[in-house]
Amino acid sequence: MAGMRHVFALMILALAAIDGASAMVEGLYCGKENCYDVLGITRDSTKSEISKAYRQLARKYHPDMHKAQEAKAAAEIKFKEIATAYEILKDSESRADYDYMLDHPEEYYSHYYRYYRRRMAPKVDVRLVIAVTITVVSAIQYFSAHQRYESAIKYFMTVPKYRHKAIDIATKEGLFNTDKKSIRKMSKAQIKEEEEAVIRSVLESNMDIRGGYAKPGVMDILWVQLVILPYTIWKYGKWYAIWVYRFNIKKEPYGLVEKVYLIRKNMKMGENQYEALEDSEKTQHLKRELWIRSKFLDWQKEKEEEMKAQLAESAKYKAYRRYMKNHGVGRMTFED
């Protein structure tokens, strides 16, 4: 009877050894080796003990510590095993996954998933990546808008009509330097630079630049727009609900905001595009009641007829029509 119990105990130990061996999967963690055995520690070892064992073994098996070629090659293989074991056991989550594999060798496929999920996961926090991306896009957006605004101001400074108007305003307001003593001390280039700065400041103060060339503001930056996005959604949702209730249910007449919105919708123009139009042109849209679809279509036909009439009166268009009449579409000539 005692002999049977002894045989049964040996069978249990053999099965345990088989299960432990089956837990070691080639390509996962330390492969067929036990990471704890590689470092010469136990599963109860603390982080400091793991680090201490790694440092000792790393000094012992570092390839630079061996001069013979064969010993150097063997030490290099051993050093890689030690480094791999340390990388797995120094991290708490990775160590927990490894311990789970040792305790549950039957969950073969889940071990692959756990291992490669952690191995292929990005090392940098995704939230940080998103934040940096939004910051870069916001910076590019702001500097691009500022560059467009700068190009618009520089253009207006070269247009005689706007330049002369700015000079008149600066002269009336006494913005130019009239102190003769200080002017004598300045070179022509300095005087010119100072005058240009005054003209620019007058243009910036008086020019109403809209649309894509408008001066960028804080509210136009992507970061700010994302921060206030909930408020923006709530504001437009509230406005739309009121709009539907007032003008579709109660049948109230449209207000100015609603009229402009419907005009933009008919013209298929964005808010910035429509704001860039001249005030006289927008006033004409309101007088013609272009928020009404039928009146907008009539106005659109009129504009098309006007365009055709202007082309008919154009000298270049007349020359083009004569050429098409005499030579046709597909004929090739050497005439200028």
C-alpha atoms as a PDB file:
ATOM      1  CA  MET A   1       0.000   0.000   0.000  1.00  0.00           C
ATOM      2  CA  ALA A   2       2.834   2.356   0.902  1.00  0.00           C
ATOM      3  CA  GLY A   3       4.496   1.470  -2.398  1.00  0.00           C
ATOM      4  CA  MET A   4       1.330   2.452  -4.322  1.00  0.00           C
ATOM      5  CA  ARG A   5       1.189   5.847  -2.583  1.00  0.00           C
ATOM      6  CA  HIS A   6       4.839   6.427  -3.478  1.00  0.00           C
ATOM      7  CA  VAL A   7       4.188   5.615  -7.160  1.00  0.00           C
ATOM      8  CA  PHE A   8       1.124   7.929  -7.178  1.00  0.00           C
ATOM      9  CA  ALA A   9       3.178  10.796  -5.723  1.00  0.00           C
ATOM     10  CA  LEU A  10       5.845  10.314  -8.391  1.00  0.00           C
ATOM     11  CA  MET A  11       3.152  10.432 -11.122  1.00  0.00           C
ATOM     12  CA  ILE A  12       1.817  13.748  -9.737  1.00  0.00           C
ATOM     13  CA  LEU A  13       5.315  15.222  -9.687  1.00  0.00           C
ATOM     14  CA  ALA A  14       5.906  14.037 -13.254  1.00  0.00           C
ATOM     15  CA  LEU A  15       2.632  15.617 -14.474  1.00  0.00           C
ATOM     16  CA  ALA A  16       3.530  18.871 -12.709  1.00  0.00           C
ATOM     17  CA  ALA A  17       6.914  18.865 -14.408  1.00  0.00           C
ATOM     18  CA  ILE A  18       5.238  18.247 -17.788  1.00  0.00           C
ATOM     19  CA  ASP A  19       2.747  21.118 -17.187  1.00  0.00           C
ATOM     20  CA  GLY A  20       5.582  23.435 -16.148  1.00  0.00           C
ATOM     21  CA  ALA A  21       7.551  22.551 -19.233  1.00  0.00           C
ATOM     22  CA  SER A  22       4.494  22.966 -21.473  1.00  0.00           C
ATOM     23  CA  ALA A  23       4.067  26.480 -20.081  1.00  0.00           C
ATOM     24  CA  MET A  24       7.353  27.459 -21.755  1.00  0.00           C
ATOM     25  CA  VAL A  25       6.479  28.445 -25.321  1.00  0.00           C
ATOM     26  CA  GLU A  26       9.138  29.187 -27.917  1.00  0.00           C
ATOM     27  CA  GLY A  27       8.899  32.820 -29.038  1.00  0.00           C
ATOM     28  CA  LEU A  28       7.160  34.030 -25.887  1.00  0.00           C
ATOM     29  CA  TYR A  29       8.974  35.709 -23.009  1.00  0.00           C
ATOM     30  CA  CYS A  30      12.168  33.669 -22.297  1.00  0.00           C
ATOM     31  CA  GLY A  31      11.235  30.841 -24.664  1.00  0.00           C
ATOM     32  CA  LYS A  32      11.856  27.373 -23.237  1.00  0.00           C
ATOM     33  CA  GLU A  33      13.793  28.849 -20.309  1.00  0.00           C
ATOM     34  CA  ASN A  34      12.206  30.039 -17.072  1.00  0.00           C
ATOM     35  CA  CYS A  35      12.860  33.766 -16.641  1.00  0.00           C
ATOM     36  CA  TYR A  36      13.253  33.348 -12.885  1.00  0.00           C
ATOM     37  CA  ASP A  37      15.798  30.553 -13.372  1.00  0.00           C
ATOM     38  CA  VAL A  38      17.725  32.664 -15.894  1.00  0.00           C
ATOM     39  CA  LEU A  39      18.253  35.354 -13.253  1.00  0.00           C
ATOM     40  CA  GLY A  40      18.683  32.804 -10.456  1.00  0.00           C
ATOM     41  CA  ILE A  41      15.753  34.122  -8.391  1.00  0.00           C
ATOM     42  CA  THR A  42      12.341  32.883  -7.232  1.00  0.00           C
ATOM     43  CA  ARG A  43       8.800  34.064  -7.904  1.00  0.00           C
ATOM     44  CA  ASP A  44       8.779  35.668  -4.459  1.00  0.00           C
ATOM     45  CA  SER A  45      11.770  37.901  -5.224  1.00  0.00           C
ATOM     46  CA  THR A  46      11.272  41.638  -4.905  1.00  0.00           C
ATOM     47  CA  LYS A  47      12.079  44.264  -7.545  1.00  0.00           C
ATOM     48  CA  SER A  48      15.310  45.213  -5.786  1.00  0.00           C
ATOM     49  CA  GLU A  49      16.396  41.574  -5.699  1.00  0.00           C
ATOM     50  CA  ILE A  50      15.638  41.206  -9.389  1.00  0.00           C
ATOM     51  CA  SER A  51      17.679  44.329 -10.219  1.00  0.00           C
ATOM     52  CA  LYS A  52      20.567  43.147  -8.029  1.00  0.00           C
ATOM     53  CA  ALA A  53      20.636  39.707  -9.689  1.00  0.00           C
ATOM     54  CA  TYR A  54      20.539  41.284 -13.133  1.00  0.00           C
ATOM     55  CA  ARG A  55      23.451  43.631 -12.427  1.00  0.00           C
ATOM     56  CA  GLN A  56      25.585  40.800 -11.117  1.00  0.00           C
ATOM     57  CA  LEU A  57      24.881  38.527 -14.081  1.00  0.00           C
ATOM     58  CA  ALA A  58      25.239  41.386 -16.575  1.00  0.00           C
ATOM     59  CA  ARG A  59      28.747  42.140 -15.307  1.00  0.00           C
ATOM     60  CA  LYS A  60      29.649  38.468 -15.400  1.00  0.00           C
ATOM     61  CA  TYR A  61      28.347  37.695 -18.897  1.00  0.00           C
ATOM     62  CA  HIS A  62      28.937  41.002 -20.657  1.00  0.00           C
ATOM     63  CA  PRO A  63      30.684  40.233 -23.990  1.00  0.00           C
ATOM     64  CA  ASP A  64      33.367  42.843 -23.315  1.00  0.00           C
ATOM     65  CA  MET A  65      34.474  40.889 -20.253  1.00  0.00           C
ATOM     66  CA  HIS A  66      35.613  37.957 -22.428  1.00  0.00           C
ATOM     67  CA  LYS A  67      38.532  38.005 -24.834  1.00  0.00           C
ATOM     68  CA  ALA A  68      38.388  34.549 -26.464  1.00  0.00           C
ATOM     69  CA  GLN A  69      36.102  34.468 -29.524  1.00  0.00           C
ATOM     70  CA  GLU A  70      34.149  31.375 -28.445  1.00  0.00           C
ATOM     71  CA  ALA A  71      33.734  32.621 -24.877  1.00  0.00           C
ATOM     72  CA  LYS A  72      32.680  36.025 -26.208  1.00  0.00           C
ATOM     73  CA  ALA A  73      30.010  34.456 -28.481  1.00  0.00           C
ATOM     74  CA  ALA A  74      28.660  32.254 -25.660  1.00  0.00           C
ATOM     75  CA  ALA A  75      28.605  35.225 -23.267  1.00  0.00           C
ATOM     76  CA  GLU A  76      26.716  37.304 -25.822  1.00  0.00           C
ATOM     77  CA  ILE A  77      23.934  34.667 -26.074  1.00  0.00           C
ATOM     78  CA  LYS A  78      23.735  34.404 -22.296  1.00  0.00           C
ATOM     79  CA  PHE A  79      23.727  38.191 -21.915  1.00  0.00           C
ATOM     80  CA  LYS A  80      20.726  38.466 -24.287  1.00  0.00           C
ATOM     81  CA  GLU A  81      18.833  35.844 -22.250  1.00  0.00           C
ATOM     82  CA  ILE A  82      19.570  37.744 -19.035  1.00  0.00           C
ATOM     83  CA  ALA A  83      18.498  41.073 -20.569  1.00  0.00           C
ATOM     84  CA  THR A  84      15.269  39.520 -21.899  1.00  0.00           C
ATOM     85  CA  ALA A  85      14.417  37.994 -18.523  1.00  0.00           C
ATOM     86  CA  TYR A  86      15.083  41.291 -16.765  1.00  0.00           C
ATOM     87  CA  GLU A  87      12.909  43.253 -19.227  1.00  0.00           C
ATOM     88  CA  ILE A  88      10.008  40.883 -18.508  1.00  0.00           C
ATOM     89  CA  LEU A  89      10.333  40.706 -14.724  1.00  0.00           C
ATOM     90  CA  LYS A  90      11.183  44.338 -13.954  1.00  0.00           C
ATOM     91  CA  ASP A  91       7.762  45.524 -15.161  1.00  0.00           C
ATOM     92  CA  SER A  92       4.890  44.631 -12.818  1.00  0.00           C
ATOM     93  CA  GLU A  93       2.281  44.114 -15.547  1.00  0.00           C
ATOM     94  CA  SER A  94       4.600  42.087 -17.773  1.00  0.00           C
ATOM     95  CA  ARG A  95       5.637  39.974 -14.784  1.00  0.00           C
ATOM     96  CA  ALA A  96       1.987  39.381 -13.883  1.00  0.00           C
ATOM     97  CA  ASP A  97       1.298  38.147 -17.439  1.00  0.00           C
ATOM     98  CA  TYR A  98       4.308  35.831 -17.255  1.00  0.00           C
ATOM     99  CA  ASP A  99       3.217  34.429 -13.871  1.00  0.00           C
ATOM    100  CA  TYR A 100      -0.254  33.849 -15.305  1.00  0.00           C
ATOM    101  CA  MET A 101       1.256  31.848 -18.172  1.00  0.00           C
ATOM    102  CA  LEU A 102       3.210  29.699 -15.685  1.00  0.00           C
ATOM    103  CA  ASP A 103       0.047  29.061 -13.654  1.00  0.00           C
ATOM    104  CA  HIS A 104      -2.247  28.464 -16.662  1.00  0.00           C
ATOM    105  CA  PRO A 105      -0.220  26.675 -19.349  1.00  0.00           C
ATOM    106  CA  GLU A 106      -3.405  25.308 -20.969  1.00  0.00           C
ATOM    107  CA  GLU A 107      -4.479  28.787 -22.184  1.00  0.00           C
ATOM    108  CA  TYR A 108      -2.113  28.595 -25.124  1.00  0.00           C
ATOM    109  CA  TYR A 109      -3.608  31.218 -27.464  1.00  0.00           C
ATOM    110  CA  SER A 110      -4.389  33.743 -24.757  1.00  0.00           C
ATOM    111  CA  HIS A 111      -0.686  33.813 -23.855  1.00  0.00           C
ATOM    112  CA  TYR A 112       0.181  34.883 -27.387  1.00  0.00           C
ATOM    113  CA  TYR A 113      -2.450  37.606 -27.225  1.00  0.00           C
ATOM    114  CA  ARG A 114      -1.223  38.956 -23.871  1.00  0.00           C
ATOM    115  CA  TYR A 115       2.415  38.882 -24.924  1.00  0.00           C
ATOM    116  CA  TYR A 116       2.058  40.578 -28.300  1.00  0.00           C
ATOM    117  CA  ARG A 117      -0.566  43.028 -27.072  1.00  0.00           C
ATOM    118  CA  ARG A 118       1.931  44.392 -24.580  1.00  0.00           C
ATOM    119  CA  ARG A 119       4.872  44.127 -26.990  1.00  0.00           C
ATOM    120  CA  MET A 120       3.141  45.905 -29.872  1.00  0.00           C
ATOM    121  CA  ALA A 121       1.386  48.527 -27.746  1.00  0.00           C
ATOM    122  CA  PRO A 122       2.677  52.102 -28.225  1.00  0.00           C
ATOM    123  CA  LYS A 123       5.219  53.138 -25.630  1.00  0.00           C
ATOM    124  CA  VAL A 124       3.931  56.722 -25.563  1.00  0.00           C
ATOM    125  CA  ASP A 125       0.559  57.627 -24.093  1.00  0.00           C
ATOM    126  CA  VAL A 126      -1.987  58.025 -26.912  1.00  0.00           C
ATOM    127  CA  ARG A 127      -3.487  61.055 -25.153  1.00  0.00           C
ATOM    128  CA  LEU A 128      -0.119  62.783 -25.288  1.00  0.00           C
ATOM    129  CA  VAL A 129       0.208  62.011 -29.005  1.00  0.00           C
ATOM    130  CA  ILE A 130      -3.260  63.489 -29.682  1.00  0.00           C
ATOM    131  CA  ALA A 131      -2.493  66.577 -27.594  1.00  0.00           C
ATOM    132  CA  VAL A 132       0.805  67.195 -29.401  1.00  0.00           C
ATOM    133  CA  THR A 133      -0.857  66.662 -32.810  1.00  0.00           C
ATOM    134  CA  ILE A 134      -3.630  69.159 -32.027  1.00  0.00           C
ATOM    135  CA  THR A 135      -1.046  71.650 -30.762  1.00  0.00           C
ATOM    136  CA  VAL A 136       1.024  71.345 -33.947  1.00  0.00           C
ATOM    137  CA  VAL A 137      -2.076  71.689 -36.153  1.00  0.00           C
ATOM    138  CA  SER A 138      -3.197  74.733 -34.129  1.00  0.00           C
ATOM    139  CA  ALA A 139       0.218  76.365 -34.523  1.00  0.00           C
ATOM    140  CA  ILE A 140       0.288  75.707 -38.279  1.00  0.00           C
ATOM    141  CA  GLN A 141      -3.283  76.974 -38.589  1.00  0.00           C
ATOM    142  CA  TYR A 142      -2.520  80.210 -36.722  1.00  0.00           C
ATOM    143  CA  PHE A 143       0.744  80.982 -38.526  1.00  0.00           C
ATOM    144  CA  SER A 144      -0.807  80.212 -41.933  1.00  0.00           C
ATOM    145  CA  ALA A 145      -3.717  82.575 -41.221  1.00  0.00           C
ATOM    146  CA  HIS A 146      -1.297  85.232 -39.938  1.00  0.00           C
ATOM    147  CA  GLN A 147       0.818  84.868 -43.087  1.00  0.00           C
ATOM    148  CA  ARG A 148      -2.282  85.343 -45.283  1.00  0.00           C
ATOM    149  CA  TYR A 149      -3.198  88.430 -43.262  1.00  0.00           C
ATOM    150  CA  GLU A 150       0.341  89.788 -43.659  1.00  0.00           C
ATOM    151  CA  SER A 151       0.203  89.271 -47.432  1.00  0.00           C
ATOM    152  CA  ALA A 152      -3.139  91.125 -47.570  1.00  0.00           C
ATOM    153  CA  ILE A 153      -1.752  94.109 -45.616  1.00  0.00           C
ATOM    154  CA  LYS A 154       1.371  94.227 -47.804  1.00  0.00           C
ATOM    155  CA  TYR A 155      -0.825  94.157 -50.905  1.00  0.00           C
ATOM    156  CA  PHE A 156      -3.013  97.041 -49.688  1.00  0.00           C
ATOM    157  CA  MET A 157       0.130  99.061 -48.919  1.00  0.00           C
ATOM    158  CA  THR A 158       1.094  98.831 -52.609  1.00  0.00           C
ATOM    159  CA  VAL A 159      -2.353  99.837 -53.964  1.00  0.00           C
ATOM    160  CA  PRO A 160      -2.286 103.623 -54.563  1.00  0.00           C
ATOM    161  CA  LYS A 161      -5.943 104.153 -53.601  1.00  0.00           C
ATOM    162  CA  TYR A 162      -5.547 102.620 -50.139  1.00  0.00           C
ATOM    163  CA  ARG A 163      -2.031 103.968 -49.620  1.00  0.00           C
ATOM    164  CA  HIS A 164      -3.029 107.582 -50.358  1.00  0.00           C
ATOM    165  CA  LYS A 165      -6.069 107.250 -48.124  1.00  0.00           C
ATOM    166  CA  ALA A 166      -3.880 105.964 -45.271  1.00  0.00           C
ATOM    167  CA  ILE A 167      -1.421 108.833 -45.780  1.00  0.00           C
ATOM    168  CA  ASP A 168      -4.265 111.374 -45.637  1.00  0.00           C
ATOM    169  CA  ILE A 169      -5.583 109.864 -42.389  1.00  0.00           C
ATOM    170  CA  ALA A 170      -2.092 109.768 -40.846  1.00  0.00           C
ATOM    171  CA  THR A 171      -1.474 113.400 -41.850  1.00  0.00           C
ATOM    172  CA  LYS A 172      -4.789 114.615 -40.417  1.00  0.00           C
ATOM    173  CA  GLU A 173      -4.236 112.760 -37.155  1.00  0.00           C
ATOM    174  CA  GLY A 174      -0.604 113.918 -36.917  1.00  0.00           C
ATOM    175  CA  LEU A 175       0.843 110.397 -36.870  1.00  0.00           C
ATOM    176  CA  PHE A 176       3.910 111.225 -38.967  1.00  0.00           C
ATOM    177  CA  ASN A 177       7.020 112.487 -37.246  1.00  0.00           C
ATOM    178  CA  THR A 178       7.266 116.271 -37.809  1.00  0.00           C
ATOM    179  CA  ASP A 179      10.081 116.995 -35.385  1.00  0.00           C
ATOM    180  CA  LYS A 180      12.827 118.412 -37.621  1.00  0.00           C
ATOM    181  CA  LYS A 181      15.584 117.872 -35.063  1.00  0.00           C
ATOM    182  CA  SER A 182      14.902 114.172 -34.721  1.00  0.00           C
ATOM    183  CA  ILE A 183      14.438 113.812 -38.487  1.00  0.00           C
ATOM    184  CA  ARG A 184      17.915 115.313 -39.135  1.00  0.00           C
ATOM    185  CA  LYS A 185      19.469 112.611 -36.965  1.00  0.00           C
ATOM    186  CA  MET A 186      17.775 109.853 -38.955  1.00  0.00           C
ATOM    187  CA  SER A 187      18.877 108.371 -42.265  1.00  0.00           C
ATOM    188  CA  LYS A 188      16.587 108.229 -45.298  1.00  0.00           C
ATOM    189  CA  ALA A 189      16.086 104.509 -44.765  1.00  0.00           C
ATOM    190  CA  GLN A 190      15.015 105.090 -41.141  1.00  0.00           C
ATOM    191  CA  ILE A 191      12.587 107.849 -42.142  1.00  0.00           C
ATOM    192  CA  LYS A 192      11.123 105.597 -44.863  1.00  0.00           C
ATOM    193  CA  GLU A 193      10.793 102.689 -42.440  1.00  0.00           C
ATOM    194  CA  GLU A 194       9.015 104.874 -39.879  1.00  0.00           C
ATOM    195  CA  GLU A 195       6.568 106.202 -42.492  1.00  0.00           C
ATOM    196  CA  GLU A 196       5.815 102.691 -43.715  1.00  0.00           C
ATOM    197  CA  ALA A 197       5.110 101.576 -40.137  1.00  0.00           C
ATOM    198  CA  VAL A 198       2.635 104.468 -39.702  1.00  0.00           C
ATOM    199  CA  ILE A 199       0.870 103.654 -42.999  1.00  0.00           C
ATOM    200  CA  ARG A 200       0.642 100.015 -42.014  1.00  0.00           C
ATOM    201  CA  SER A 201      -0.857 100.813 -38.599  1.00  0.00           C
ATOM    202  CA  VAL A 202      -3.468 103.064 -40.258  1.00  0.00           C
ATOM    203  CA  LEU A 203      -4.401 100.352 -42.741  1.00  0.00           C
ATOM    204  CA  GLU A 204      -4.664  97.733 -39.995  1.00  0.00           C
ATOM    205  CA  SER A 205      -6.916 100.038 -37.957  1.00  0.00           C
ATOM    206  CA  ASN A 206      -9.217 101.045 -40.809  1.00  0.00           C
ATOM    207  CA  MET A 207      -9.259  98.144 -43.268  1.00  0.00           C
ATOM    208  CA  ASP A 208     -12.067  95.642 -42.768  1.00  0.00           C
ATOM    209  CA  ILE A 209     -10.371  92.473 -44.029  1.00  0.00           C
ATOM    210  CA  ARG A 210     -12.706  89.482 -43.978  1.00  0.00           C
ATOM    211  CA  GLY A 211     -12.822  85.914 -45.198  1.00  0.00           C
ATOM    212  CA  GLY A 212      -9.682  83.835 -45.582  1.00  0.00           C
ATOM    213  CA  TYR A 213      -7.395  86.877 -45.246  1.00  0.00           C
ATOM    214  CA  ALA A 214      -8.896  88.151 -41.993  1.00  0.00           C
ATOM    215  CA  LYS A 215      -6.651  88.727 -38.991  1.00  0.00           C
ATOM    216  CA  PRO A 216      -6.508  85.477 -36.976  1.00  0.00           C
ATOM    217  CA  GLY A 217      -7.975  85.559 -33.489  1.00  0.00           C
ATOM    218  CA  VAL A 218      -7.769  83.303 -30.471  1.00  0.00           C
ATOM    219  CA  MET A 219     -11.214  81.867 -31.161  1.00  0.00           C
ATOM    220  CA  ASP A 220     -10.069  80.620 -34.577  1.00  0.00           C
ATOM    221  CA  ILE A 221      -7.423  78.275 -33.140  1.00  0.00           C
ATOM    222  CA  LEU A 222      -8.262  74.555 -33.244  1.00  0.00           C
ATOM    223  CA  TRP A 223      -7.463  74.005 -29.547  1.00  0.00           C
ATOM    224  CA  VAL A 224      -9.906  76.734 -28.490  1.00  0.00           C
ATOM    225  CA  GLN A 225     -12.567  75.476 -30.894  1.00  0.00           C
ATOM    226  CA  LEU A 226     -12.291  71.966 -29.439  1.00  0.00           C
ATOM    227  CA  VAL A 227     -12.507  73.296 -25.855  1.00  0.00           C
ATOM    228  CA  ILE A 228     -15.656  75.293 -26.573  1.00  0.00           C
ATOM    229  CA  LEU A 229     -17.128  72.610 -28.877  1.00  0.00           C
ATOM    230  CA  PRO A 230     -19.775  71.454 -26.331  1.00  0.00           C
ATOM    231  CA  TYR A 231     -20.925  75.048 -25.901  1.00  0.00           C
ATOM    232  CA  THR A 232     -20.952  75.579 -29.678  1.00  0.00           C
ATOM    233  CA  ILE A 233     -23.064  72.454 -30.226  1.00  0.00           C
ATOM    234  CA  TRP A 234     -25.448  73.501 -27.465  1.00  0.00           C
ATOM    235  CA  LYS A 235     -25.732  77.056 -28.879  1.00  0.00           C
ATOM    236  CA  TYR A 236     -26.468  75.938 -32.442  1.00  0.00           C
ATOM    237  CA  GLY A 237     -28.789  73.177 -31.231  1.00  0.00           C
ATOM    238  CA  LYS A 238     -30.746  75.689 -29.182  1.00  0.00           C
ATOM    239  CA  TRP A 239     -30.823  78.148 -32.087  1.00  0.00           C
ATOM    240  CA  TYR A 240     -32.039  75.451 -34.489  1.00  0.00           C
ATOM    241  CA  ALA A 241     -34.773  74.302 -32.078  1.00  0.00           C
ATOM    242  CA  ILE A 242     -35.985  77.895 -31.656  1.00  0.00           C
ATOM    243  CA  TRP A 243     -35.770  78.419 -35.411  1.00  0.00           C
ATOM    244  CA  VAL A 244     -37.913  75.338 -36.138  1.00  0.00           C
ATOM    245  CA  TYR A 245     -40.453  76.307 -33.462  1.00  0.00           C
ATOM    246  CA  ARG A 246     -40.755  79.962 -34.502  1.00  0.00           C
ATOM    247  CA  PHE A 247     -40.739  79.674 -38.272  1.00  0.00           C
ATOM    248  CA  ASN A 248     -42.124  76.184 -38.940  1.00  0.00           C
ATOM    249  CA  ILE A 249     -44.653  75.796 -36.140  1.00  0.00           C
ATOM    250  CA  LYS A 250     -45.696  79.322 -35.155  1.00  0.00           C
ATOM    251  CA  LYS A 251     -45.076  80.607 -38.719  1.00  0.00           C
ATOM    252  CA  GLU A 252     -43.356  83.810 -37.548  1.00  0.00           C
ATOM    253  CA  PRO A 253     -41.502  85.969 -40.121  1.00  0.00           C
ATOM    254  CA  TYR A 254     -37.778  85.396 -40.477  1.00  0.00           C
ATOM    255  CA  GLY A 255     -35.327  87.599 -38.580  1.00  0.00           C
ATOM    256  CA  LEU A 256     -32.111  89.037 -40.046  1.00  0.00           C
ATOM    257  CA  VAL A 257     -29.934  86.148 -38.833  1.00  0.00           C
ATOM    258  CA  GLU A 258     -32.264  83.563 -40.325  1.00  0.00           C
ATOM    259  CA  LYS A 259     -32.495  85.458 -43.620  1.00  0.00           C
ATOM    260  CA  VAL A 260     -28.709  85.655 -43.966  1.00  0.00           C
ATOM    261  CA  TYR A 261     -28.396  81.959 -43.101  1.00  0.00           C
ATOM    262  CA  LEU A 262     -30.907  80.958 -45.802  1.00  0.00           C
ATOM    263  CA  ILE A 263     -29.233  83.257 -48.352  1.00  0.00           C
ATOM    264  CA  ARG A 264     -25.860  81.616 -47.637  1.00  0.00           C
ATOM    265  CA  LYS A 265     -27.501  78.214 -47.923  1.00  0.00           C
ATOM    266  CA  ASN A 266     -29.005  79.076 -51.325  1.00  0.00           C
ATOM    267  CA  MET A 267     -25.681  80.445 -52.569  1.00  0.00           C
ATOM    268  CA  LYS A 268     -23.786  77.475 -51.089  1.00  0.00           C
ATOM    269  CA  MET A 269     -21.327  79.807 -49.377  1.00  0.00           C
ATOM    270  CA  GLY A 270     -19.583  79.450 -46.030  1.00  0.00           C
ATOM    271  CA  GLU A 271     -19.839  82.064 -43.310  1.00  0.00           C
ATOM    272  CA  ASN A 272     -16.394  83.525 -44.020  1.00  0.00           C
ATOM    273  CA  GLN A 273     -17.045  83.591 -47.762  1.00  0.00           C
ATOM    274  CA  TYR A 274     -20.283  85.507 -47.321  1.00  0.00           C
ATOM    275  CA  GLU A 275     -18.748  87.913 -44.795  1.00  0.00           C
ATOM    276  CA  ALA A 276     -16.067  88.780 -47.356  1.00  0.00           C
ATOM    277  CA  LEU A 277     -18.707  90.233 -49.705  1.00  0.00           C
ATOM    278  CA  GLU A 278     -19.266  93.991 -49.874  1.00  0.00           C
ATOM    279  CA  ASP A 279     -21.934  95.397 -47.566  1.00  0.00           C
ATOM    280  CA  SER A 280     -23.776  96.913 -50.536  1.00  0.00           C
ATOM    281  CA  GLU A 281     -23.979  93.485 -52.164  1.00  0.00           C
ATOM    282  CA  LYS A 282     -25.349  91.865 -48.995  1.00  0.00           C
ATOM    283  CA  THR A 283     -27.887  94.681 -48.646  1.00  0.00           C
ATOM    284  CA  GLN A 284     -29.020  94.016 -52.211  1.00  0.00           C
ATOM    285  CA  HIS A 285     -29.509  90.327 -51.338  1.00  0.00           C
ATOM    286  CA  LEU A 286     -31.825  91.293 -48.487  1.00  0.00           C
ATOM    287  CA  LYS A 287     -33.777  93.747 -50.673  1.00  0.00           C
ATOM    288  CA  ARG A 288     -34.292  91.065 -53.308  1.00  0.00           C
ATOM    289  CA  GLU A 289     -35.440  88.612 -50.579  1.00  0.00           C
ATOM    290  CA  LEU A 290     -33.024  85.937 -51.745  1.00  0.00           C
ATOM    291  CA  TRP A 291     -33.791  83.758 -48.719  1.00  0.00           C
ATOM    292  CA  ILE A 292     -36.897  82.717 -50.661  1.00  0.00           C
ATOM    293  CA  ARG A 293     -35.858  79.929 -52.995  1.00  0.00           C
ATOM    294  CA  SER A 294     -37.964  80.992 -55.987  1.00  0.00           C
ATOM    295  CA  LYS A 295     -36.717  84.590 -55.833  1.00  0.00           C
ATOM    296  CA  PHE A 296     -33.145  83.352 -55.500  1.00  0.00           C
ATOM    297  CA  LEU A 297     -33.503  81.247 -58.678  1.00  0.00           C
ATOM    298  CA  ASP A 298     -34.877  84.289 -60.570  1.00  0.00           C
ATOM    299  CA  TRP A 299     -31.960  86.411 -59.315  1.00  0.00           C
ATOM    300  CA  GLN A 300     -29.512  83.688 -60.338  1.00  0.00           C
ATOM    301  CA  LYS A 301     -30.916  83.648 -63.889  1.00  0.00           C
ATOM    302  CA  GLU A 302     -30.612  87.429 -64.072  1.00  0.00           C
ATOM    303  CA  LYS A 303     -26.969  87.243 -62.999  1.00  0.00           C
ATOM    304  CA  GLU A 304     -26.263  84.626 -65.658  1.00  0.00           C
ATOM    305  CA  GLU A 305     -27.864  86.832 -68.329  1.00  0.00           C
ATOM    306  CA  GLU A 306     -25.826  89.811 -67.132  1.00  0.00           C
ATOM    307  CA  MET A 307     -22.651  87.743 -67.342  1.00  0.00           C
ATOM    308  CA  LYS A 308     -23.479  86.680 -70.877  1.00  0.00           C
ATOM    309  CA  ALA A 309     -24.145  90.300 -71.865  1.00  0.00           C
ATOM    310  CA  GLN A 310     -20.832  91.433 -70.364  1.00  0.00           C
ATOM    311  CA  LEU A 311     -18.997  88.698 -72.245  1.00  0.00           C
ATOM    312  CA  ALA A 312     -20.751  89.701 -75.443  1.00  0.00           C
ATOM    313  CA  GLU A 313     -19.503  93.283 -74.996  1.00  0.00           C
ATOM    314  CA  SER A 314     -15.957  92.155 -74.147  1.00  0.00           C
ATOM    315  CA  ALA A 315     -13.422  92.715 -76.943  1.00  0.00           C
ATOM    316  CA  LYS A 316     -11.530  89.529 -76.079  1.00  0.00           C
ATOM    317  CA  TYR A 317     -14.726  87.488 -76.122  1.00  0.00           C
ATOM    318  CA  LYS A 318     -15.708  88.970 -79.488  1.00  0.00           C
ATOM    319  CA  ALA A 319     -12.298  88.053 -80.900  1.00  0.00           C
ATOM    320  CA  TYR A 320     -12.684  84.537 -79.528  1.00  0.00           C
ATOM    321  CA  ARG A 321     -16.124  84.190 -81.151  1.00  0.00           C
ATOM    322  CA  ARG A 322     -14.761  85.401 -84.530  1.00  0.00           C
ATOM    323  CA  TYR A 323     -11.910  82.922 -84.304  1.00  0.00           C
ATOM    324  CA  MET A 324     -14.280  80.044 -83.504  1.00  0.00           C
ATOM    325  CA  LYS A 325     -16.557  81.081 -86.380  1.00  0.00           C
ATOM    326  CA  ASN A 326     -13.745  81.275 -88.933  1.00  0.00           C
ATOM    327  CA  HIS A 327     -11.521  78.406 -87.824  1.00  0.00           C
ATOM    328  CA  GLY A 328     -13.748  76.062 -85.849  1.00  0.00           C
ATOM    329  CA  VAL A 329     -12.875  73.990 -82.803  1.00  0.00           C
ATOM    330  CA  GLY A 330     -10.638  71.310 -84.241  1.00  0.00           C
ATOM    331  CA  ARG A 331      -8.668  73.214 -86.886  1.00  0.00           C
ATOM    332  CA  MET A 332      -4.938  73.820 -86.288  1.00  0.00           C
ATOM    333  CA  THR A 333      -3.263  76.878 -87.909  1.00  0.00           C
ATOM    334  CA  PHE A 334       0.015  78.750 -87.599  1.00  0.00           C
ATOM    335  CA  GLU A 335      -1.725  82.128 -87.361  1.00  0.00           C
ATOM    336  CA  ASP A 336      -1.113  84.311 -84.296  1.00  0.00           C
END
